[in-house]
Amino acid sequence: NNTALLLKAHQSNYIIQGFTQEASLAE
């Protein structure tokens, strides 16, 4: 009930590769 925002940050200056997964903007 105290959640105000869902925040996503673009990984613009680094890369995480391999065994990865992230929630999409649409989701």
PDB file of all heavy atoms in Angstrom:
ATOM      1  N   ASN A   1       0.816  -1.210   0.000  1.00  0.00           N
ATOM      2  CA  ASN A   1       0.000   0.000   0.000  1.00  0.00           C
ATOM      3  C   ASN A   1       0.855   1.268   0.000  1.00  0.00           C
ATOM      4  O   ASN A   1       0.350   2.364  -0.272  1.00  0.00           O
ATOM      5  CB  ASN A   1      -0.925   0.012   1.226  1.00  0.00           C
ATOM      6  CG  ASN A   1      -1.996  -1.061   1.147  1.00  0.00           C
ATOM      7  OD1 ASN A   1      -2.399  -1.461   0.049  1.00  0.00           O
ATOM      8  ND2 ASN A   1      -2.459  -1.533   2.299  1.00  0.00           N
ATOM      9  N   ASN A   2       2.159   1.109   0.303  1.00  0.00           N
ATOM     10  CA  ASN A   2       3.059   2.262   0.352  1.00  0.00           C
ATOM     11  C   ASN A   2       3.919   2.390  -0.907  1.00  0.00           C
ATOM     12  O   ASN A   2       4.812   3.227  -0.974  1.00  0.00           O
ATOM     13  CB  ASN A   2       3.971   2.156   1.593  1.00  0.00           C
ATOM     14  CG  ASN A   2       4.562   3.492   1.993  1.00  0.00           C
ATOM     15  OD1 ASN A   2       3.900   4.518   1.898  1.00  0.00           O
ATOM     16  ND2 ASN A   2       5.819   3.486   2.425  1.00  0.00           N
ATOM     17  N   THR A   3       3.652   1.553  -1.911  1.00  0.00           N
ATOM     18  CA  THR A   3       4.414   1.615  -3.161  1.00  0.00           C
ATOM     19  C   THR A   3       3.925   2.788  -4.001  1.00  0.00           C
ATOM     20  O   THR A   3       2.734   2.880  -4.338  1.00  0.00           O
ATOM     21  CB  THR A   3       4.272   0.318  -3.976  1.00  0.00           C
ATOM     22  OG1 THR A   3       4.731  -0.783  -3.179  1.00  0.00           O
ATOM     23  CG2 THR A   3       5.095   0.394  -5.252  1.00  0.00           C
ATOM     24  N   ALA A   4       4.853   3.695  -4.346  1.00  0.00           N
ATOM     25  CA  ALA A   4       4.482   4.905  -5.095  1.00  0.00           C
ATOM     26  C   ALA A   4       4.842   4.820  -6.569  1.00  0.00           C
ATOM     27  O   ALA A   4       4.139   5.357  -7.425  1.00  0.00           O
ATOM     28  CB  ALA A   4       5.151   6.123  -4.480  1.00  0.00           C
ATOM     29  N   LEU A   5       5.969   4.154  -6.880  1.00  0.00           N
ATOM     30  CA  LEU A   5       6.449   4.095  -8.263  1.00  0.00           C
ATOM     31  C   LEU A   5       7.089   2.749  -8.563  1.00  0.00           C
ATOM     32  O   LEU A   5       7.665   2.107  -7.674  1.00  0.00           O
ATOM     33  CB  LEU A   5       7.493   5.188  -8.525  1.00  0.00           C
ATOM     34  CG  LEU A   5       7.088   6.659  -8.468  1.00  0.00           C
ATOM     35  CD1 LEU A   5       8.333   7.536  -8.617  1.00  0.00           C
ATOM     36  CD2 LEU A   5       6.068   6.997  -9.545  1.00  0.00           C
ATOM     37  N   LEU A   6       7.020   2.360  -9.840  1.00  0.00           N
ATOM     38  CA  LEU A   6       7.832   1.266 -10.366  1.00  0.00           C
ATOM     39  C   LEU A   6       8.880   1.922 -11.257  1.00  0.00           C
ATOM     40  O   LEU A   6       8.538   2.644 -12.197  1.00  0.00           O
ATOM     41  CB  LEU A   6       6.985   0.283 -11.180  1.00  0.00           C
ATOM     42  CG  LEU A   6       5.791  -0.360 -10.466  1.00  0.00           C
ATOM     43  CD1 LEU A   6       5.062  -1.301 -11.422  1.00  0.00           C
ATOM     44  CD2 LEU A   6       6.239  -1.106  -9.218  1.00  0.00           C
ATOM     45  N   LEU A   7      10.150   1.729 -10.925  1.00  0.00           N
ATOM     46  CA  LEU A   7      11.232   2.431 -11.621  1.00  0.00           C
ATOM     47  C   LEU A   7      12.070   1.462 -12.439  1.00  0.00           C
ATOM     48  O   LEU A   7      12.492   0.410 -11.944  1.00  0.00           O
ATOM     49  CB  LEU A   7      12.121   3.152 -10.609  1.00  0.00           C
ATOM     50  CG  LEU A   7      13.356   3.867 -11.165  1.00  0.00           C
ATOM     51  CD1 LEU A   7      12.956   5.009 -12.092  1.00  0.00           C
ATOM     52  CD2 LEU A   7      14.223   4.403 -10.018  1.00  0.00           C
ATOM     53  N   LYS A   8      12.322   1.851 -13.694  1.00  0.00           N
ATOM     54  CA  LYS A   8      13.228   1.088 -14.545  1.00  0.00           C
ATOM     55  C   LYS A   8      14.335   2.025 -15.003  1.00  0.00           C
ATOM     56  O   LYS A   8      14.077   3.188 -15.338  1.00  0.00           O
ATOM     57  CB  LYS A   8      12.506   0.513 -15.762  1.00  0.00           C
ATOM     58  CG  LYS A   8      13.380  -0.425 -16.605  1.00  0.00           C
ATOM     59  CD  LYS A   8      12.552  -1.131 -17.659  1.00  0.00           C
ATOM     60  CE  LYS A   8      13.412  -2.083 -18.490  1.00  0.00           C
ATOM     61  NZ  LYS A   8      14.026  -3.148 -17.658  1.00  0.00           N
ATOM     62  N   ALA A   9      15.584   1.537 -14.992  1.00  0.00           N
ATOM     63  CA  ALA A   9      16.723   2.350 -15.414  1.00  0.00           C
ATOM     64  C   ALA A   9      17.435   1.676 -16.579  1.00  0.00           C
ATOM     65  O   ALA A   9      17.747   0.477 -16.523  1.00  0.00           O
ATOM     66  CB  ALA A   9      17.703   2.551 -14.256  1.00  0.00           C
ATOM     67  N   HIS A  10      17.675   2.437 -17.631  1.00  0.00           N
ATOM     68  CA  HIS A  10      18.368   1.914 -18.810  1.00  0.00           C
ATOM     69  C   HIS A  10      19.838   1.655 -18.485  1.00  0.00           C
ATOM     70  O   HIS A  10      20.535   2.520 -17.960  1.00  0.00           O
ATOM     71  CB  HIS A  10      18.255   2.927 -19.953  1.00  0.00           C
ATOM     72  CG  HIS A  10      18.996   2.539 -21.198  1.00  0.00           C
ATOM     73  ND1 HIS A  10      19.091   1.237 -21.637  1.00  0.00           N
ATOM     74  CD2 HIS A  10      19.665   3.295 -22.110  1.00  0.00           C
ATOM     75  CE1 HIS A  10      19.788   1.210 -22.758  1.00  0.00           C
ATOM     76  NE2 HIS A  10      20.151   2.442 -23.058  1.00  0.00           N
ATOM     77  N   GLN A  11      20.310   0.460 -18.798  1.00  0.00           N
ATOM     78  CA  GLN A  11      21.721   0.105 -18.588  1.00  0.00           C
ATOM     79  C   GLN A  11      22.541   0.685 -19.737  1.00  0.00           C
ATOM     80  O   GLN A  11      23.062  -0.032 -20.587  1.00  0.00           O
ATOM     81  CB  GLN A  11      21.869  -1.415 -18.507  1.00  0.00           C
ATOM     82  CG  GLN A  11      21.056  -2.042 -17.378  1.00  0.00           C
ATOM     83  CD  GLN A  11      20.867  -3.540 -17.552  1.00  0.00           C
ATOM     84  OE1 GLN A  11      21.325  -4.129 -18.516  1.00  0.00           O
ATOM     85  NE2 GLN A  11      20.156  -4.162 -16.627  1.00  0.00           N
ATOM     86  N   SER A  12      22.650   2.005 -19.723  1.00  0.00           N
ATOM     87  CA  SER A  12      23.232   2.689 -20.877  1.00  0.00           C
ATOM     88  C   SER A  12      24.753   2.687 -20.899  1.00  0.00           C
ATOM     89  O   SER A  12      25.356   2.940 -21.938  1.00  0.00           O
ATOM     90  CB  SER A  12      22.731   4.142 -20.921  1.00  0.00           C
ATOM     91  OG  SER A  12      23.113   4.835 -19.755  1.00  0.00           O
ATOM     92  N   ASN A  13      25.400   2.426 -19.751  1.00  0.00           N
ATOM     93  CA  ASN A  13      26.857   2.480 -19.728  1.00  0.00           C
ATOM     94  C   ASN A  13      27.510   1.153 -19.333  1.00  0.00           C
ATOM     95  O   ASN A  13      28.682   1.109 -18.977  1.00  0.00           O
ATOM     96  CB  ASN A  13      27.350   3.612 -18.817  1.00  0.00           C
ATOM     97  CG  ASN A  13      26.850   3.462 -17.385  1.00  0.00           C
ATOM     98  OD1 ASN A  13      26.147   2.504 -17.058  1.00  0.00           O
ATOM     99  ND2 ASN A  13      27.221   4.392 -16.529  1.00  0.00           N
ATOM    100  N   TYR A  14      26.738   0.064 -19.384  1.00  0.00           N
ATOM    101  CA  TYR A  14      27.314  -1.260 -19.135  1.00  0.00           C
ATOM    102  C   TYR A  14      26.401  -2.320 -19.733  1.00  0.00           C
ATOM    103  O   TYR A  14      25.252  -2.050 -20.108  1.00  0.00           O
ATOM    104  CB  TYR A  14      27.507  -1.517 -17.630  1.00  0.00           C
ATOM    105  CG  TYR A  14      26.217  -1.592 -16.830  1.00  0.00           C
ATOM    106  CD1 TYR A  14      25.659  -2.816 -16.475  1.00  0.00           C
ATOM    107  CD2 TYR A  14      25.546  -0.431 -16.433  1.00  0.00           C
ATOM    108  CE1 TYR A  14      24.474  -2.884 -15.741  1.00  0.00           C
ATOM    109  CE2 TYR A  14      24.384  -0.490 -15.699  1.00  0.00           C
ATOM    110  CZ  TYR A  14      23.851  -1.719 -15.355  1.00  0.00           C
ATOM    111  OH  TYR A  14      22.689  -1.782 -14.641  1.00  0.00           O
ATOM    112  N   ILE A  15      26.935  -3.542 -19.832  1.00  0.00           N
ATOM    113  CA  ILE A  15      26.187  -4.650 -20.423  1.00  0.00           C
ATOM    114  C   ILE A  15      26.234  -5.845 -19.482  1.00  0.00           C
ATOM    115  O   ILE A  15      27.290  -6.181 -18.936  1.00  0.00           O
ATOM    116  CB  ILE A  15      26.798  -5.074 -21.780  1.00  0.00           C
ATOM    117  CG1 ILE A  15      26.749  -3.918 -22.789  1.00  0.00           C
ATOM    118  CG2 ILE A  15      26.052  -6.269 -22.362  1.00  0.00           C
ATOM    119  CD1 ILE A  15      27.487  -4.226 -24.074  1.00  0.00           C
ATOM    120  N   ILE A  16      25.080  -6.466 -19.277  1.00  0.00           N
ATOM    121  CA  ILE A  16      25.032  -7.743 -18.562  1.00  0.00           C
ATOM    122  C   ILE A  16      24.652  -8.805 -19.590  1.00  0.00           C
ATOM    123  O   ILE A  16      23.565  -8.748 -20.180  1.00  0.00           O
ATOM    124  CB  ILE A  16      24.008  -7.714 -17.416  1.00  0.00           C
ATOM    125  CG1 ILE A  16      24.384  -6.646 -16.388  1.00  0.00           C
ATOM    126  CG2 ILE A  16      23.929  -9.081 -16.736  1.00  0.00           C
ATOM    127  CD1 ILE A  16      23.391  -6.505 -15.248  1.00  0.00           C
ATOM    128  N   GLN A  17      25.546  -9.748 -19.830  1.00  0.00           N
ATOM    129  CA  GLN A  17      25.317 -10.770 -20.852  1.00  0.00           C
ATOM    130  C   GLN A  17      25.303 -12.162 -20.229  1.00  0.00           C
ATOM    131  O   GLN A  17      25.777 -12.366 -19.113  1.00  0.00           O
ATOM    132  CB  GLN A  17      26.410 -10.699 -21.927  1.00  0.00           C
ATOM    133  CG  GLN A  17      26.374  -9.423 -22.761  1.00  0.00           C
ATOM    134  CD  GLN A  17      27.466  -9.398 -23.807  1.00  0.00           C
ATOM    135  OE1 GLN A  17      28.583  -9.850 -23.571  1.00  0.00           O
ATOM    136  NE2 GLN A  17      27.152  -8.863 -24.979  1.00  0.00           N
ATOM    137  N   GLY A  18      24.768 -13.112 -20.980  1.00  0.00           N
ATOM    138  CA  GLY A  18      24.770 -14.499 -20.520  1.00  0.00           C
ATOM    139  C   GLY A  18      23.424 -14.918 -19.973  1.00  0.00           C
ATOM    140  O   GLY A  18      22.384 -14.743 -20.614  1.00  0.00           O
ATOM    141  N   PHE A  19      23.429 -15.449 -18.766  1.00  0.00           N
ATOM    142  CA  PHE A  19      22.229 -15.982 -18.119  1.00  0.00           C
ATOM    143  C   PHE A  19      21.461 -14.814 -17.499  1.00  0.00           C
ATOM    144  O   PHE A  19      21.595 -14.510 -16.323  1.00  0.00           O
ATOM    145  CB  PHE A  19      22.649 -16.998 -17.056  1.00  0.00           C
ATOM    146  CG  PHE A  19      21.511 -17.773 -16.466  1.00  0.00           C
ATOM    147  CD1 PHE A  19      20.665 -18.551 -17.253  1.00  0.00           C
ATOM    148  CD2 PHE A  19      21.274 -17.733 -15.097  1.00  0.00           C
ATOM    149  CE1 PHE A  19      19.619 -19.262 -16.694  1.00  0.00           C
ATOM    150  CE2 PHE A  19      20.231 -18.449 -14.523  1.00  0.00           C
ATOM    151  CZ  PHE A  19      19.397 -19.214 -15.336  1.00  0.00           C
ATOM    152  N   THR A  20      20.678 -14.121 -18.326  1.00  0.00           N
ATOM    153  CA  THR A  20      20.031 -12.882 -17.886  1.00  0.00           C
ATOM    154  C   THR A  20      18.544 -12.867 -18.221  1.00  0.00           C
ATOM    155  O   THR A  20      18.069 -13.589 -19.087  1.00  0.00           O
ATOM    156  CB  THR A  20      20.680 -11.655 -18.549  1.00  0.00           C
ATOM    157  OG1 THR A  20      20.443 -11.721 -19.963  1.00  0.00           O
ATOM    158  CG2 THR A  20      22.170 -11.605 -18.289  1.00  0.00           C
ATOM    159  N   GLN A  21      17.826 -12.004 -17.515  1.00  0.00           N
ATOM    160  CA  GLN A  21      16.418 -11.768 -17.785  1.00  0.00           C
ATOM    161  C   GLN A  21      16.010 -10.463 -17.114  1.00  0.00           C
ATOM    162  O   GLN A  21      16.498 -10.144 -16.027  1.00  0.00           O
ATOM    163  CB  GLN A  21      15.540 -12.913 -17.243  1.00  0.00           C
ATOM    164  CG  GLN A  21      14.052 -12.766 -17.549  1.00  0.00           C
ATOM    165  CD  GLN A  21      13.233 -13.931 -17.024  1.00  0.00           C
ATOM    166  OE1 GLN A  21      13.786 -14.962 -16.620  1.00  0.00           O
ATOM    167  NE2 GLN A  21      11.927 -13.784 -17.017  1.00  0.00           N
ATOM    168  N   GLU A  22      15.173  -9.696 -17.776  1.00  0.00           N
ATOM    169  CA  GLU A  22      14.656  -8.475 -17.171  1.00  0.00           C
ATOM    170  C   GLU A  22      13.195  -8.299 -17.548  1.00  0.00           C
ATOM    171  O   GLU A  22      12.746  -8.762 -18.604  1.00  0.00           O
ATOM    172  CB  GLU A  22      15.455  -7.251 -17.603  1.00  0.00           C
ATOM    173  CG  GLU A  22      15.385  -6.916 -19.077  1.00  0.00           C
ATOM    174  CD  GLU A  22      16.147  -5.645 -19.419  1.00  0.00           C
ATOM    175  OE1 GLU A  22      15.656  -4.552 -19.062  1.00  0.00           O
ATOM    176  OE2 GLU A  22      17.224  -5.748 -20.038  1.00  0.00           O
ATOM    177  N   ALA A  23      12.462  -7.662 -16.674  1.00  0.00           N
ATOM    178  CA  ALA A  23      11.055  -7.377 -16.965  1.00  0.00           C
ATOM    179  C   ALA A  23      10.984  -6.317 -18.050  1.00  0.00           C
ATOM    180  O   ALA A  23      11.704  -5.312 -18.010  1.00  0.00           O
ATOM    181  CB  ALA A  23      10.359  -6.895 -15.699  1.00  0.00           C
ATOM    182  N   SER A  24      10.120  -6.534 -19.040  1.00  0.00           N
ATOM    183  CA  SER A  24       9.993  -5.580 -20.139  1.00  0.00           C
ATOM    184  C   SER A  24       9.177  -4.369 -19.700  1.00  0.00           C
ATOM    185  O   SER A  24       8.435  -4.409 -18.710  1.00  0.00           O
ATOM    186  CB  SER A  24       9.322  -6.238 -21.337  1.00  0.00           C
ATOM    187  OG  SER A  24       7.965  -6.530 -21.038  1.00  0.00           O
ATOM    188  N   LEU A  25       9.316  -3.299 -20.464  1.00  0.00           N
ATOM    189  CA  LEU A  25       8.526  -2.104 -20.184  1.00  0.00           C
ATOM    190  C   LEU A  25       7.036  -2.405 -20.295  1.00  0.00           C
ATOM    191  O   LEU A  25       6.236  -1.941 -19.481  1.00  0.00           O
ATOM    192  CB  LEU A  25       8.900  -0.992 -21.172  1.00  0.00           C
ATOM    193  CG  LEU A  25      10.127  -0.141 -20.831  1.00  0.00           C
ATOM    194  CD1 LEU A  25      10.395   0.853 -21.948  1.00  0.00           C
ATOM    195  CD2 LEU A  25       9.914   0.602 -19.520  1.00  0.00           C
ATOM    196  N   ALA A  26       6.673  -3.188 -21.299  1.00  0.00           N
ATOM    197  CA  ALA A  26       5.261  -3.522 -21.491  1.00  0.00           C
ATOM    198  C   ALA A  26       4.702  -4.256 -20.270  1.00  0.00           C
ATOM    199  O   ALA A  26       3.576  -3.979 -19.820  1.00  0.00           O
ATOM    200  CB  ALA A  26       5.097  -4.373 -22.747  1.00  0.00           C
ATOM    201  N   GLU A  27       5.488  -5.170 -19.723  1.00  0.00           N
ATOM    202  CA  GLU A  27       5.048  -5.900 -18.527  1.00  0.00           C
ATOM    203  C   GLU A  27       4.892  -4.957 -17.335  1.00  0.00           C
ATOM    204  O   GLU A  27       3.925  -5.056 -16.567  1.00  0.00           O
ATOM    205  CB  GLU A  27       6.066  -6.997 -18.186  1.00  0.00           C
ATOM    206  CG  GLU A  27       6.069  -8.168 -19.151  1.00  0.00           C
ATOM    207  CD  GLU A  27       7.152  -9.169 -18.816  1.00  0.00           C
ATOM    208  OE1 GLU A  27       8.294  -8.751 -18.513  1.00  0.00           O
ATOM    209  OE2 GLU A  27       6.858 -10.385 -18.856  1.00  0.00           O
TER     210      GLU A  27
END
